[in-house]
Amino acid sequence: PLVAAVFAVNSGRIRERFGRVAPAVCGPLLLGLGAAFWLVATPADPDY
């Protein structure tokens, strides 16, 4: 949530530079990429 807050606070600047569609597409892709990372990398034993 700390990282999410940083990007949300700067959403206006991001929109001015990249438009509204590009962040709206990249955002869900990154959300899915995080889960894909866990599918590949996360073990049963703690390794945070």
All heavy atoms as atom14 arrays in JSON, in Angstrom:
{
  "sequence": "PLVAAVFAVNSGRIRERFGRVAPAVCGPLLLGLGAAFWLVATPADPDY",
  "atom14_mask": [
    [1, 1, 1, 1, 1, 1, 1, 0, 0, 0, 0, 0, 0, 0],
    [1, 1, 1, 1, 1, 1, 1, 1, 0, 0, 0, 0, 0, 0],
    [1, 1, 1, 1, 1, 1, 1, 0, 0, 0, 0, 0, 0, 0],
    [1, 1, 1, 1, 1, 0, 0, 0, 0, 0, 0, 0, 0, 0],
    [1, 1, 1, 1, 1, 0, 0, 0, 0, 0, 0, 0, 0, 0],
    [1, 1, 1, 1, 1, 1, 1, 0, 0, 0, 0, 0, 0, 0],
    [1, 1, 1, 1, 1, 1, 1, 1, 1, 1, 1, 0, 0, 0],
    [1, 1, 1, 1, 1, 0, 0, 0, 0, 0, 0, 0, 0, 0],
    [1, 1, 1, 1, 1, 1, 1, 0, 0, 0, 0, 0, 0, 0],
    [1, 1, 1, 1, 1, 1, 1, 1, 0, 0, 0, 0, 0, 0],
    [1, 1, 1, 1, 1, 1, 0, 0, 0, 0, 0, 0, 0, 0],
    [1, 1, 1, 1, 0, 0, 0, 0, 0, 0, 0, 0, 0, 0],
    [1, 1, 1, 1, 1, 1, 1, 1, 1, 1, 1, 0, 0, 0],
    [1, 1, 1, 1, 1, 1, 1, 1, 0, 0, 0, 0, 0, 0],
    [1, 1, 1, 1, 1, 1, 1, 1, 1, 1, 1, 0, 0, 0],
    [1, 1, 1, 1, 1, 1, 1, 1, 1, 0, 0, 0, 0, 0],
    [1, 1, 1, 1, 1, 1, 1, 1, 1, 1, 1, 0, 0, 0],
    [1, 1, 1, 1, 1, 1, 1, 1, 1, 1, 1, 0, 0, 0],
    [1, 1, 1, 1, 0, 0, 0, 0, 0, 0, 0, 0, 0, 0],
    [1, 1, 1, 1, 1, 1, 1, 1, 1, 1, 1, 0, 0, 0],
    [1, 1, 1, 1, 1, 1, 1, 0, 0, 0, 0, 0, 0, 0],
    [1, 1, 1, 1, 1, 0, 0, 0, 0, 0, 0, 0, 0, 0],
    [1, 1, 1, 1, 1, 1, 1, 0, 0, 0, 0, 0, 0, 0],
    [1, 1, 1, 1, 1, 0, 0, 0, 0, 0, 0, 0, 0, 0],
    [1, 1, 1, 1, 1, 1, 1, 0, 0, 0, 0, 0, 0, 0],
    [1, 1, 1, 1, 1, 1, 0, 0, 0, 0, 0, 0, 0, 0],
    [1, 1, 1, 1, 0, 0, 0, 0, 0, 0, 0, 0, 0, 0],
    [1, 1, 1, 1, 1, 1, 1, 0, 0, 0, 0, 0, 0, 0],
    [1, 1, 1, 1, 1, 1, 1, 1, 0, 0, 0, 0, 0, 0],
    [1, 1, 1, 1, 1, 1, 1, 1, 0, 0, 0, 0, 0, 0],
    [1, 1, 1, 1, 1, 1, 1, 1, 0, 0, 0, 0, 0, 0],
    [1, 1, 1, 1, 0, 0, 0, 0, 0, 0, 0, 0, 0, 0],
    [1, 1, 1, 1, 1, 1, 1, 1, 0, 0, 0, 0, 0, 0],
    [1, 1, 1, 1, 0, 0, 0, 0, 0, 0, 0, 0, 0, 0],
    [1, 1, 1, 1, 1, 0, 0, 0, 0, 0, 0, 0, 0, 0],
    [1, 1, 1, 1, 1, 0, 0, 0, 0, 0, 0, 0, 0, 0],
    [1, 1, 1, 1, 1, 1, 1, 1, 1, 1, 1, 0, 0, 0],
    [1, 1, 1, 1, 1, 1, 1, 1, 1, 1, 1, 1, 1, 1],
    [1, 1, 1, 1, 1, 1, 1, 1, 0, 0, 0, 0, 0, 0],
    [1, 1, 1, 1, 1, 1, 1, 0, 0, 0, 0, 0, 0, 0],
    [1, 1, 1, 1, 1, 0, 0, 0, 0, 0, 0, 0, 0, 0],
    [1, 1, 1, 1, 1, 1, 1, 0, 0, 0, 0, 0, 0, 0],
    [1, 1, 1, 1, 1, 1, 1, 0, 0, 0, 0, 0, 0, 0],
    [1, 1, 1, 1, 1, 0, 0, 0, 0, 0, 0, 0, 0, 0],
    [1, 1, 1, 1, 1, 1, 1, 1, 0, 0, 0, 0, 0, 0],
    [1, 1, 1, 1, 1, 1, 1, 0, 0, 0, 0, 0, 0, 0],
    [1, 1, 1, 1, 1, 1, 1, 1, 0, 0, 0, 0, 0, 0],
    [1, 1, 1, 1, 1, 1, 1, 1, 1, 1, 1, 1, 0, 0]
  ],
  "atom14_positions": [
    [[0.81, -1.23, 0.0], [0.0, 0.0, 0.0], [0.84, 1.27, 0.0], [0.39, 2.31, -0.51], [-0.84, -0.12, 1.28], [-0.19, -1.17, 2.09], [0.48, -2.08, 1.14], [0.0, 0.0, 0.0], [0.0, 0.0, 0.0], [0.0, 0.0, 0.0], [0.0, 0.0, 0.0], [0.0, 0.0, 0.0], [0.0, 0.0, 0.0], [0.0, 0.0, 0.0]],
    [[2.05, 1.22, 0.55], [2.92, 2.4, 0.51], [3.3, 2.73, -0.93], [3.26, 3.89, -1.35], [4.16, 2.17, 1.36], [3.94, 2.11, 2.88], [5.24, 1.77, 3.6], [3.38, 3.43, 3.39], [0.0, 0.0, 0.0], [0.0, 0.0, 0.0], [0.0, 0.0, 0.0], [0.0, 0.0, 0.0], [0.0, 0.0, 0.0], [0.0, 0.0, 0.0]],
    [[3.67, 1.71, -1.69], [4.01, 1.92, -3.11], [2.77, 2.38, -3.87], [2.85, 3.28, -4.72], [4.6, 0.63, -3.72], [4.76, 0.78, -5.23], [5.94, 0.31, -3.08], [0.0, 0.0, 0.0], [0.0, 0.0, 0.0], [0.0, 0.0, 0.0], [0.0, 0.0, 0.0], [0.0, 0.0, 0.0], [0.0, 0.0, 0.0], [0.0, 0.0, 0.0]],
    [[1.63, 1.76, -3.58], [0.38, 2.16, -4.24], [0.08, 3.63, -3.98], [-0.35, 4.35, -4.89], [-0.77, 1.28, -3.76], [0.0, 0.0, 0.0], [0.0, 0.0, 0.0], [0.0, 0.0, 0.0], [0.0, 0.0, 0.0], [0.0, 0.0, 0.0], [0.0, 0.0, 0.0], [0.0, 0.0, 0.0], [0.0, 0.0, 0.0], [0.0, 0.0, 0.0]],
    [[0.3, 4.08, -2.75], [0.02, 5.48, -2.42], [0.92, 6.43, -3.2], [0.48, 7.48, -3.66], [0.2, 5.7, -0.92], [0.0, 0.0, 0.0], [0.0, 0.0, 0.0], [0.0, 0.0, 0.0], [0.0, 0.0, 0.0], [0.0, 0.0, 0.0], [0.0, 0.0, 0.0], [0.0, 0.0, 0.0], [0.0, 0.0, 0.0], [0.0, 0.0, 0.0]],
    [[2.18, 6.06, -3.37], [3.11, 6.91, -4.12], [2.63, 7.08, -5.56], [2.61, 8.2, -6.1], [4.53, 6.3, -4.1], [5.44, 7.04, -5.08], [5.1, 6.36, -2.69], [0.0, 0.0, 0.0], [0.0, 0.0, 0.0], [0.0, 0.0, 0.0], [0.0, 0.0, 0.0], [0.0, 0.0, 0.0], [0.0, 0.0, 0.0], [0.0, 0.0, 0.0]],
    [[2.22, 5.99, -6.19], [1.75, 6.07, -7.57], [0.4, 6.79, -7.65], [0.15, 7.54, -8.6], [1.64, 4.67, -8.18], [2.95, 4.15, -8.69], [3.81, 3.46, -7.85], [3.33, 4.35, -10.01], [5.03, 2.97, -8.32], [4.54, 3.88, -10.49], [5.4, 3.19, -9.64], [0.0, 0.0, 0.0], [0.0, 0.0, 0.0], [0.0, 0.0, 0.0]],
    [[-0.47, 6.58, -6.67], [-1.78, 7.23, -6.69], [-1.64, 8.74, -6.54], [-2.32, 9.51, -7.22], [-2.66, 6.66, -5.58], [0.0, 0.0, 0.0], [0.0, 0.0, 0.0], [0.0, 0.0, 0.0], [0.0, 0.0, 0.0], [0.0, 0.0, 0.0], [0.0, 0.0, 0.0], [0.0, 0.0, 0.0], [0.0, 0.0, 0.0], [0.0, 0.0, 0.0]],
    [[-0.74, 9.18, -5.65], [-0.53, 10.61, -5.44], [-0.01, 11.28, -6.71], [-0.33, 12.44, -7.0], [0.43, 10.84, -4.27], [0.91, 12.28, -4.22], [-0.25, 10.48, -2.96], [0.0, 0.0, 0.0], [0.0, 0.0, 0.0], [0.0, 0.0, 0.0], [0.0, 0.0, 0.0], [0.0, 0.0, 0.0], [0.0, 0.0, 0.0], [0.0, 0.0, 0.0]],
    [[0.77, 10.54, -7.47], [1.35, 11.1, -8.7], [0.55, 10.74, -9.95], [1.06, 10.88, -11.07], [2.79, 10.6, -8.85], [3.72, 11.21, -7.82], [4.14, 12.36, -7.95], [4.03, 10.45, -6.78], [0.0, 0.0, 0.0], [0.0, 0.0, 0.0], [0.0, 0.0, 0.0], [0.0, 0.0, 0.0], [0.0, 0.0, 0.0], [0.0, 0.0, 0.0]],
    [[-0.69, 10.29, -9.77], [-1.48, 9.85, -10.92], [-1.74, 10.98, -11.91], [-1.81, 10.75, -13.12], [-2.82, 9.27, -10.44], [-3.57, 10.25, -9.73], [0.0, 0.0, 0.0], [0.0, 0.0, 0.0], [0.0, 0.0, 0.0], [0.0, 0.0, 0.0], [0.0, 0.0, 0.0], [0.0, 0.0, 0.0], [0.0, 0.0, 0.0], [0.0, 0.0, 0.0]],
    [[-1.86, 12.21, -11.41], [-2.07, 13.34, -12.31], [-0.89, 13.56, -13.24], [-1.05, 13.76, -14.45], [0.0, 0.0, 0.0], [0.0, 0.0, 0.0], [0.0, 0.0, 0.0], [0.0, 0.0, 0.0], [0.0, 0.0, 0.0], [0.0, 0.0, 0.0], [0.0, 0.0, 0.0], [0.0, 0.0, 0.0], [0.0, 0.0, 0.0], [0.0, 0.0, 0.0]],
    [[0.31, 13.52, -12.69], [1.51, 13.68, -13.5], [1.67, 12.54, -14.5], [2.06, 12.74, -15.65], [2.75, 13.74, -12.61], [2.78, 14.94, -11.67], [4.02, 14.91, -10.8], [4.04, 16.01, -9.86], [4.99, 16.19, -8.94], [5.99, 15.31, -8.86], [4.93, 17.22, -8.12], [0.0, 0.0, 0.0], [0.0, 0.0, 0.0], [0.0, 0.0, 0.0]],
    [[1.35, 11.34, -14.04], [1.46, 10.18, -14.93], [0.48, 10.31, -16.08], [0.81, 10.01, -17.24], [1.21, 8.88, -14.13], [2.32, 8.68, -13.1], [1.12, 7.67, -15.07], [2.05, 7.55, -12.12], [0.0, 0.0, 0.0], [0.0, 0.0, 0.0], [0.0, 0.0, 0.0], [0.0, 0.0, 0.0], [0.0, 0.0, 0.0], [0.0, 0.0, 0.0]],
    [[-0.73, 10.78, -15.79], [-1.72, 10.94, -16.84], [-1.29, 12.01, -17.83], [-1.47, 11.85, -19.04], [-3.07, 11.32, -16.22], [-4.14, 11.58, -17.26], [-5.47, 11.91, -16.63], [-6.46, 12.25, -17.63], [-7.73, 12.53, -17.37], [-8.15, 12.52, -16.12], [-8.57, 12.83, -18.33], [0.0, 0.0, 0.0], [0.0, 0.0, 0.0], [0.0, 0.0, 0.0]],
    [[-0.73, 13.11, -17.35], [-0.29, 14.17, -18.25], [0.78, 13.67, -19.22], [0.83, 14.1, -20.38], [0.27, 15.34, -17.44], [-0.8, 16.14, -16.71], [-0.21, 17.25, -15.89], [1.03, 17.43, -15.92], [-0.97, 17.95, -15.19], [0.0, 0.0, 0.0], [0.0, 0.0, 0.0], [0.0, 0.0, 0.0], [0.0, 0.0, 0.0], [0.0, 0.0, 0.0]],
    [[1.63, 12.76, -18.76], [2.73, 12.3, -19.6], [2.33, 11.14, -20.51], [2.76, 11.07, -21.66], [3.9, 11.87, -18.72], [5.1, 11.38, -19.51], [6.35, 11.4, -18.7], [7.51, 11.07, -19.5], [8.75, 11.09, -19.05], [9.0, 11.43, -17.8], [9.75, 10.76, -19.84], [0.0, 0.0, 0.0], [0.0, 0.0, 0.0], [0.0, 0.0, 0.0]],
    [[1.51, 10.23, -20.0], [1.22, 9.0, -20.74], [-0.24, 8.86, -21.17], [-0.59, 7.88, -21.83], [1.6, 7.77, -19.89], [3.05, 7.71, -19.53], [3.47, 8.06, -18.26], [4.0, 7.31, -20.45], [4.81, 8.0, -17.9], [5.34, 7.25, -20.12], [5.75, 7.61, -18.84], [0.0, 0.0, 0.0], [0.0, 0.0, 0.0], [0.0, 0.0, 0.0]],
    [[-1.09, 9.82, -20.79], [-2.51, 9.68, -21.08], [-3.2, 8.84, -20.02], [-2.6, 8.43, -19.04], [0.0, 0.0, 0.0], [0.0, 0.0, 0.0], [0.0, 0.0, 0.0], [0.0, 0.0, 0.0], [0.0, 0.0, 0.0], [0.0, 0.0, 0.0], [0.0, 0.0, 0.0], [0.0, 0.0, 0.0], [0.0, 0.0, 0.0], [0.0, 0.0, 0.0]],
    [[-4.48, 8.58, -20.21], [-5.24, 7.83, -19.21], [-5.31, 6.34, -19.5], [-5.38, 5.52, -18.59], [-6.67, 8.38, -19.12], [-7.49, 7.76, -18.02], [-8.67, 8.62, -17.65], [-9.53, 8.86, -18.8], [-10.5, 8.03, -19.19], [-10.7, 6.9, -18.54], [-11.25, 8.33, -20.22], [0.0, 0.0, 0.0], [0.0, 0.0, 0.0], [0.0, 0.0, 0.0]],
    [[-5.24, 5.96, -20.77], [-5.41, 4.55, -21.11], [-4.18, 3.73, -20.73], [-4.3, 2.64, -20.15], [-5.73, 4.39, -22.61], [-5.78, 2.9, -22.98], [-7.05, 5.05, -22.94], [0.0, 0.0, 0.0], [0.0, 0.0, 0.0], [0.0, 0.0, 0.0], [0.0, 0.0, 0.0], [0.0, 0.0, 0.0], [0.0, 0.0, 0.0], [0.0, 0.0, 0.0]],
    [[-3.0, 4.24, -21.02], [-1.77, 3.48, -20.78], [-1.62, 3.07, -19.31], [-1.37, 1.89, -19.01], [-0.56, 4.26, -21.27], [0.0, 0.0, 0.0], [0.0, 0.0, 0.0], [0.0, 0.0, 0.0], [0.0, 0.0, 0.0], [0.0, 0.0, 0.0], [0.0, 0.0, 0.0], [0.0, 0.0, 0.0], [0.0, 0.0, 0.0], [0.0, 0.0, 0.0]],
    [[-1.76, 3.98, -18.34], [-1.67, 3.55, -16.94], [-2.76, 2.57, -16.55], [-2.54, 1.66, -15.75], [-1.81, 4.87, -16.16], [-1.43, 5.93, -17.11], [-1.88, 5.45, -18.45], [0.0, 0.0, 0.0], [0.0, 0.0, 0.0], [0.0, 0.0, 0.0], [0.0, 0.0, 0.0], [0.0, 0.0, 0.0], [0.0, 0.0, 0.0], [0.0, 0.0, 0.0]],
    [[-3.98, 2.76, -17.12], [-5.08, 1.87, -16.79], [-4.87, 0.46, -17.32], [-5.42, -0.5, -16.79], [-6.4, 2.44, -17.32], [0.0, 0.0, 0.0], [0.0, 0.0, 0.0], [0.0, 0.0, 0.0], [0.0, 0.0, 0.0], [0.0, 0.0, 0.0], [0.0, 0.0, 0.0], [0.0, 0.0, 0.0], [0.0, 0.0, 0.0], [0.0, 0.0, 0.0]],
    [[-4.07, 0.33, -18.39], [-3.73, -0.99, -18.92], [-2.53, -1.58, -18.17], [-2.54, -2.75, -17.78], [-3.42, -0.92, -20.43], [-2.89, -2.26, -20.93], [-4.67, -0.53, -21.2], [0.0, 0.0, 0.0], [0.0, 0.0, 0.0], [0.0, 0.0, 0.0], [0.0, 0.0, 0.0], [0.0, 0.0, 0.0], [0.0, 0.0, 0.0], [0.0, 0.0, 0.0]],
    [[-1.52, -0.76, -17.95], [-0.3, -1.24, -17.29], [-0.57, -1.64, -15.84], [0.03, -2.58, -15.32], [0.79, -0.17, -17.33], [1.46, 0.12, -18.97], [0.0, 0.0, 0.0], [0.0, 0.0, 0.0], [0.0, 0.0, 0.0], [0.0, 0.0, 0.0], [0.0, 0.0, 0.0], [0.0, 0.0, 0.0], [0.0, 0.0, 0.0], [0.0, 0.0, 0.0]],
    [[-1.48, -0.9, -15.16], [-1.76, -1.2, -13.76], [-2.22, -2.63, -13.53], [-1.61, -3.36, -12.73], [0.0, 0.0, 0.0], [0.0, 0.0, 0.0], [0.0, 0.0, 0.0], [0.0, 0.0, 0.0], [0.0, 0.0, 0.0], [0.0, 0.0, 0.0], [0.0, 0.0, 0.0], [0.0, 0.0, 0.0], [0.0, 0.0, 0.0], [0.0, 0.0, 0.0]],
    [[-3.28, -3.1, -14.19], [-3.7, -4.49, -14.0], [-2.63, -5.5, -14.42], [-2.5, -6.56, -13.8], [-4.94, -4.61, -14.9], [-5.46, -3.23, -15.01], [-4.26, -2.35, -15.0], [0.0, 0.0, 0.0], [0.0, 0.0, 0.0], [0.0, 0.0, 0.0], [0.0, 0.0, 0.0], [0.0, 0.0, 0.0], [0.0, 0.0, 0.0], [0.0, 0.0, 0.0]],
    [[-1.87, -5.17, -15.46], [-0.8, -6.09, -15.87], [0.24, -6.24, -14.77], [0.74, -7.35, -14.51], [-0.13, -5.59, -17.15], [-0.98, -5.65, -18.42], [-0.22, -5.07, -19.61], [-1.4, -7.09, -18.73], [0.0, 0.0, 0.0], [0.0, 0.0, 0.0], [0.0, 0.0, 0.0], [0.0, 0.0, 0.0], [0.0, 0.0, 0.0], [0.0, 0.0, 0.0]],
    [[0.57, -5.14, -14.09], [1.52, -5.22, -12.98], [0.9, -5.98, -11.8], [1.6, -6.74, -11.11], [1.93, -3.82, -12.53], [2.82, -3.04, -13.51], [3.06, -1.62, -13.0], [4.15, -3.75, -13.71], [0.0, 0.0, 0.0], [0.0, 0.0, 0.0], [0.0, 0.0, 0.0], [0.0, 0.0, 0.0], [0.0, 0.0, 0.0], [0.0, 0.0, 0.0]],
    [[-0.39, -5.78, -11.56], [-1.07, -6.52, -10.5], [-1.0, -8.02, -10.75], [-0.75, -8.81, -9.84], [-2.52, -6.05, -10.41], [-3.35, -6.47, -9.2], [-2.73, -5.98, -7.91], [-4.78, -5.94, -9.33], [0.0, 0.0, 0.0], [0.0, 0.0, 0.0], [0.0, 0.0, 0.0], [0.0, 0.0, 0.0], [0.0, 0.0, 0.0], [0.0, 0.0, 0.0]],
    [[-1.21, -8.41, -12.01], [-1.09, -9.82, -12.36], [0.33, -10.3, -12.34], [0.61, -11.46, -11.98], [0.0, 0.0, 0.0], [0.0, 0.0, 0.0], [0.0, 0.0, 0.0], [0.0, 0.0, 0.0], [0.0, 0.0, 0.0], [0.0, 0.0, 0.0], [0.0, 0.0, 0.0], [0.0, 0.0, 0.0], [0.0, 0.0, 0.0], [0.0, 0.0, 0.0]],
    [[1.28, -9.43, -12.71], [2.69, -9.81, -12.72], [3.18, -10.13, -11.32], [3.99, -11.04, -11.12], [3.52, -8.7, -13.34], [5.03, -8.96, -13.5], [5.26, -10.17, -14.41], [5.73, -7.73, -14.05], [0.0, 0.0, 0.0], [0.0, 0.0, 0.0], [0.0, 0.0, 0.0], [0.0, 0.0, 0.0], [0.0, 0.0, 0.0], [0.0, 0.0, 0.0]],
    [[2.69, -9.38, -10.33], [3.06, -9.68, -8.95], [2.67, -11.09, -8.56], [3.46, -11.84, -7.97], [0.0, 0.0, 0.0], [0.0, 0.0, 0.0], [0.0, 0.0, 0.0], [0.0, 0.0, 0.0], [0.0, 0.0, 0.0], [0.0, 0.0, 0.0], [0.0, 0.0, 0.0], [0.0, 0.0, 0.0], [0.0, 0.0, 0.0], [0.0, 0.0, 0.0]],
    [[1.44, -11.5, -8.91], [0.98, -12.85, -8.61], [1.77, -13.89, -9.4], [2.07, -14.98, -8.9], [-0.51, -12.98, -8.89], [0.0, 0.0, 0.0], [0.0, 0.0, 0.0], [0.0, 0.0, 0.0], [0.0, 0.0, 0.0], [0.0, 0.0, 0.0], [0.0, 0.0, 0.0], [0.0, 0.0, 0.0], [0.0, 0.0, 0.0], [0.0, 0.0, 0.0]],
    [[2.1, -13.57, -10.65], [2.89, -14.5, -11.47], [4.27, -14.72, -10.84], [4.8, -15.84, -10.87], [3.03, -13.95, -12.89], [0.0, 0.0, 0.0], [0.0, 0.0, 0.0], [0.0, 0.0, 0.0], [0.0, 0.0, 0.0], [0.0, 0.0, 0.0], [0.0, 0.0, 0.0], [0.0, 0.0, 0.0], [0.0, 0.0, 0.0], [0.0, 0.0, 0.0]],
    [[4.83, -13.66, -10.28], [6.12, -13.8, -9.58], [6.0, -14.79, -8.43], [6.86, -15.65, -8.24], [6.59, -12.44, -9.07], [7.83, -12.5, -8.22], [9.09, -12.51, -8.82], [7.75, -12.56, -6.84], [10.24, -12.59, -8.03], [8.88, -12.63, -6.05], [10.14, -12.64, -6.66], [0.0, 0.0, 0.0], [0.0, 0.0, 0.0], [0.0, 0.0, 0.0]],
    [[4.93, -14.67, -7.64], [4.76, -15.59, -6.51], [4.56, -17.03, -6.98], [5.04, -17.96, -6.35], [3.58, -15.15, -5.66], [3.77, -13.79, -5.07], [4.94, -13.23, -4.64], [2.77, -12.78, -4.89], [4.73, -11.95, -4.19], [3.41, -11.65, -4.33], [1.4, -12.73, -5.13], [2.72, -10.48, -4.01], [0.71, -11.57, -4.81], [1.36, -10.47, -4.26]],
    [[3.86, -17.2, -8.09], [3.66, -18.55, -8.61], [4.98, -19.21, -8.97], [5.17, -20.41, -8.77], [2.76, -18.5, -9.85], [1.27, -18.31, -9.61], [0.55, -17.96, -10.9], [0.66, -19.57, -8.98], [0.0, 0.0, 0.0], [0.0, 0.0, 0.0], [0.0, 0.0, 0.0], [0.0, 0.0, 0.0], [0.0, 0.0, 0.0], [0.0, 0.0, 0.0]],
    [[5.91, -18.41, -9.49], [7.19, -18.95, -9.94], [8.21, -19.02, -8.81], [8.96, -19.99, -8.7], [7.75, -18.09, -11.1], [9.17, -18.52, -11.46], [6.83, -18.17, -12.3], [0.0, 0.0, 0.0], [0.0, 0.0, 0.0], [0.0, 0.0, 0.0], [0.0, 0.0, 0.0], [0.0, 0.0, 0.0], [0.0, 0.0, 0.0], [0.0, 0.0, 0.0]],
    [[8.23, -18.0, -7.94], [9.37, -17.84, -7.03], [9.1, -18.2, -5.58], [10.04, -18.52, -4.85], [9.86, -16.39, -7.09], [0.0, 0.0, 0.0], [0.0, 0.0, 0.0], [0.0, 0.0, 0.0], [0.0, 0.0, 0.0], [0.0, 0.0, 0.0], [0.0, 0.0, 0.0], [0.0, 0.0, 0.0], [0.0, 0.0, 0.0], [0.0, 0.0, 0.0]],
    [[7.85, -18.14, -5.12], [7.59, -18.24, -3.69], [7.59, -19.69, -3.23], [6.83, -20.51, -3.74], [6.25, -17.59, -3.33], [6.29, -16.21, -3.72], [5.98, -17.68, -1.85], [0.0, 0.0, 0.0], [0.0, 0.0, 0.0], [0.0, 0.0, 0.0], [0.0, 0.0, 0.0], [0.0, 0.0, 0.0], [0.0, 0.0, 0.0], [0.0, 0.0, 0.0]],
    [[8.43, -20.02, -2.24], [8.5, -21.39, -1.72], [7.56, -21.62, -0.55], [6.92, -20.67, -0.05], [9.96, -21.49, -1.26], [10.26, -20.09, -0.76], [9.47, -19.15, -1.66], [0.0, 0.0, 0.0], [0.0, 0.0, 0.0], [0.0, 0.0, 0.0], [0.0, 0.0, 0.0], [0.0, 0.0, 0.0], [0.0, 0.0, 0.0], [0.0, 0.0, 0.0]],
    [[7.47, -22.84, -0.11], [6.64, -23.17, 1.04], [7.26, -22.67, 2.34], [6.56, -22.39, 3.3], [6.42, -24.68, 1.11], [0.0, 0.0, 0.0], [0.0, 0.0, 0.0], [0.0, 0.0, 0.0], [0.0, 0.0, 0.0], [0.0, 0.0, 0.0], [0.0, 0.0, 0.0], [0.0, 0.0, 0.0], [0.0, 0.0, 0.0], [0.0, 0.0, 0.0]],
    [[8.59, -22.56, 2.38], [9.28, -22.06, 3.56], [9.49, -20.56, 3.45], [9.7, -20.03, 2.35], [10.63, -22.77, 3.72], [10.47, -24.27, 3.92], [9.55, -24.66, 4.66], [11.26, -25.03, 3.33], [0.0, 0.0, 0.0], [0.0, 0.0, 0.0], [0.0, 0.0, 0.0], [0.0, 0.0, 0.0], [0.0, 0.0, 0.0], [0.0, 0.0, 0.0]],
    [[9.49, -19.84, 4.58], [9.6, -18.39, 4.53], [10.88, -17.89, 3.85], [11.97, -18.35, 4.15], [9.59, -17.99, 6.02], [8.88, -19.12, 6.7], [9.27, -20.35, 5.94], [0.0, 0.0, 0.0], [0.0, 0.0, 0.0], [0.0, 0.0, 0.0], [0.0, 0.0, 0.0], [0.0, 0.0, 0.0], [0.0, 0.0, 0.0], [0.0, 0.0, 0.0]],
    [[10.7, -16.98, 2.92], [11.82, -16.29, 2.26], [11.25, -14.98, 1.72], [11.04, -14.81, 0.52], [12.39, -17.15, 1.13], [13.68, -16.56, 0.57], [14.06, -15.45, 0.97], [14.3, -17.21, -0.3], [0.0, 0.0, 0.0], [0.0, 0.0, 0.0], [0.0, 0.0, 0.0], [0.0, 0.0, 0.0], [0.0, 0.0, 0.0], [0.0, 0.0, 0.0]],
    [[11.01, -14.05, 2.62], [10.22, -12.86, 2.32], [10.92, -11.89, 1.38], [10.35, -11.46, 0.36], [9.84, -12.16, 3.62], [9.14, -10.84, 3.44], [7.8, -10.79, 3.07], [9.82, -9.63, 3.62], [7.14, -9.58, 2.9], [9.16, -8.42, 3.45], [7.83, -8.4, 3.09], [7.2, -7.2, 2.91], [0.0, 0.0, 0.0], [0.0, 0.0, 0.0]]
  ]
}
